[in-house]
Amino acid sequence: MELFTKQDPAVRQSLNAHINQRWGQLYELEKEWGERALKYLLLTNSGGAIATLGFLGASPTAINMLGAKISLFLFVLGVFLVGVSTEKNISSHVTSFQEMES
């Protein structure tokens, strides 16, 4: 196979179009699965926090348990970190769009 630079301009244009289409598909897949992972983490951590709060509310002796308080803190921290990660993803997309415009 010839080097890309030695290809006919029509062939190069066709190859560029195919490469750009494929990169677009891969980007969309990466974005979709990243969003799914964040939704899963948010659901898991918020569900754990709700379950821990239910446990703490149902049992008067559970309020004094250190393990329950630590698990509640970690679930809430997980929800917070999902929010931070979501904001980071949004700001990186905004930055990339701004760079494309200029």
Protein backbone atom coordinates (compact mmCIF):
# COMPACT_ATOMS: atom_id res chain seq x y z
CA MET A 1 0.00 0.00 0.00
CA GLU A 2 1.22 3.48 -0.85
CA LEU A 3 1.93 6.15 1.71
CA PHE A 4 -1.01 8.40 2.48
CA THR A 5 0.80 11.45 1.12
CA LYS A 6 1.42 9.69 -2.22
CA GLN A 7 -2.22 8.71 -2.68
CA ASP A 8 -4.45 10.36 -5.23
CA PRO A 9 -6.28 13.39 -3.72
CA ALA A 10 -9.67 11.72 -4.23
CA VAL A 11 -8.47 8.62 -2.35
CA ARG A 12 -7.04 10.77 0.46
CA GLN A 13 -10.30 12.64 0.78
CA SER A 14 -12.22 9.37 0.93
CA LEU A 15 -9.87 7.98 3.58
CA ASN A 16 -10.11 11.20 5.61
CA ALA A 17 -13.89 11.04 5.50
CA HIS A 18 -13.86 7.43 6.69
CA ILE A 19 -11.39 8.20 9.50
CA ASN A 20 -13.43 11.20 10.67
CA GLN A 21 -16.63 9.17 10.63
CA ARG A 22 -15.02 6.38 12.64
CA TRP A 23 -13.57 8.80 15.20
CA GLY A 24 -17.02 10.36 15.56
CA GLN A 25 -18.56 6.95 16.21
CA LEU A 26 -15.90 6.07 18.79
CA TYR A 27 -16.33 9.43 20.52
CA GLU A 28 -20.10 8.94 20.78
CA LEU A 29 -19.63 5.43 22.18
CA GLU A 30 -17.14 6.66 24.76
CA LYS A 31 -19.44 9.51 25.78
CA GLU A 32 -22.48 7.23 26.04
CA TRP A 33 -20.75 4.60 28.17
CA GLY A 34 -19.20 7.28 30.39
CA GLU A 35 -22.66 8.70 31.02
CA ARG A 36 -24.02 5.23 31.77
CA ALA A 37 -21.23 4.58 34.26
CA LEU A 38 -21.92 7.86 36.06
CA LYS A 39 -25.65 7.11 36.20
CA TYR A 40 -24.89 3.67 37.65
CA LEU A 41 -22.57 5.14 40.29
CA LEU A 42 -25.10 7.81 41.20
CA LEU A 43 -27.88 5.25 41.54
CA THR A 44 -25.73 2.89 43.61
CA ASN A 45 -24.41 5.53 45.99
CA SER A 46 -27.72 7.31 46.47
CA GLY A 47 -29.48 3.97 47.01
CA GLY A 48 -26.88 3.01 49.59
CA ALA A 49 -27.28 6.35 51.35
CA ILE A 50 -31.07 5.97 51.44
CA ALA A 51 -30.78 2.41 52.76
CA THR A 52 -28.32 3.50 55.45
CA LEU A 53 -30.59 6.38 56.46
CA GLY A 54 -33.49 3.95 56.66
CA PHE A 55 -31.42 1.65 58.85
CA LEU A 56 -30.37 4.51 61.11
CA GLY A 57 -33.96 5.73 61.42
CA ALA A 58 -35.43 2.30 62.09
CA SER A 59 -33.14 1.30 64.92
CA PRO A 60 -32.49 3.59 67.90
CA THR A 61 -29.28 1.72 68.73
CA ALA A 62 -27.96 2.10 65.18
CA ILE A 63 -27.54 5.84 65.62
CA ASN A 64 -24.59 5.19 67.93
CA MET A 65 -22.91 2.72 65.55
CA LEU A 66 -19.72 4.09 64.03
CA GLY A 67 -19.85 1.74 61.02
CA ALA A 68 -23.27 3.00 59.95
CA LYS A 69 -22.13 6.60 60.16
CA ILE A 70 -18.99 5.85 58.16
CA SER A 71 -20.94 4.01 55.47
CA LEU A 72 -23.43 6.89 55.22
CA PHE A 73 -20.54 9.34 54.88
CA LEU A 74 -18.94 7.23 52.14
CA PHE A 75 -22.19 6.92 50.19
CA VAL A 76 -22.75 10.68 50.38
CA LEU A 77 -19.13 11.24 49.34
CA GLY A 78 -19.73 8.94 46.36
CA VAL A 79 -22.75 11.00 45.30
CA PHE A 80 -20.67 14.17 45.63
CA LEU A 81 -17.81 12.72 43.55
CA VAL A 82 -20.24 11.65 40.82
CA GLY A 83 -21.39 15.28 40.68
CA VAL A 84 -17.80 16.50 40.46
CA SER A 85 -17.06 14.01 37.69
CA THR A 86 -20.17 15.04 35.77
CA GLU A 87 -19.18 18.71 36.01
CA LYS A 88 -15.66 17.86 34.82
CA ASN A 89 -17.07 16.04 31.79
CA ILE A 90 -19.41 18.91 30.95
CA SER A 91 -16.67 21.52 31.24
CA SER A 92 -14.30 19.48 29.06
CA HIS A 93 -16.99 19.20 26.36
CA VAL A 94 -17.65 22.94 26.54
CA THR A 95 -13.92 23.65 26.31
CA SER A 96 -13.51 21.38 23.28
CA PHE A 97 -16.45 23.05 21.53
CA GLN A 98 -15.01 26.50 22.25
CA GLU A 99 -11.66 25.41 20.83
CA MET A 100 -13.38 24.10 17.69
CA GLU A 101 -15.17 27.42 17.16
CA SER A 102 -12.00 29.50 17.34
